Amino acid sequence: MKLKSLLLLGVFVVTSVAAFAGNASLFSYDKNAVHRSMKNVSAVENYVNSNEGVTLTTMNAEGTELATAANLSTSSSLSSSMFDGPAGIPSFLWGCVLGWIGILIVYLVTQDSDETKKALYGCLIGWGVGFLLYLLFWVVIFGNAALWSL
């Protein structure tokens, strides 16, 4: 009976992964475009290394052709948006892992309503995932008990 349950669970996992596997074109890229972009980045790198005191910030401020062709910026959206929470941990994870305590920590440390909302969403998703796992646990336990009584 356990084999049937494990097989059913395996089929469920495989079909749920296949259902969310979306568009394969997301994993394709134009190699020539990548090489062109990297050529421009390499040119900027060589220029900065050969001219002492020149940085990407000064090149962008001056509007040099190399910097505009490479389409580089000095701000990183990854560092500014993903790790804005307390202690460099995203607010979503504070709420997801610690629940309402995580929301309280984020609120007290950041005093930012957007970060607190991220922690709240993390808390709600954490509770939802916990509930689904709890439900799945009881379905497996009582499903096996029902099969044993047959």
Foldseek 3Di string as FASTA:
>chain_A
DVVVVVVVVVVVVVVVCVVPPDDPCVVDDDPVVVVQLVVLVVVVVVVPVVDPPDDLVVCVVVVDPSSVSNVDDPDDPCQVPCQPFPPSHQLLVLCLPVNPVSLVRRCVPPVDPVSSVSSNVSNVVNVVVVVVVVVVVVCSVVVVVVVVVD
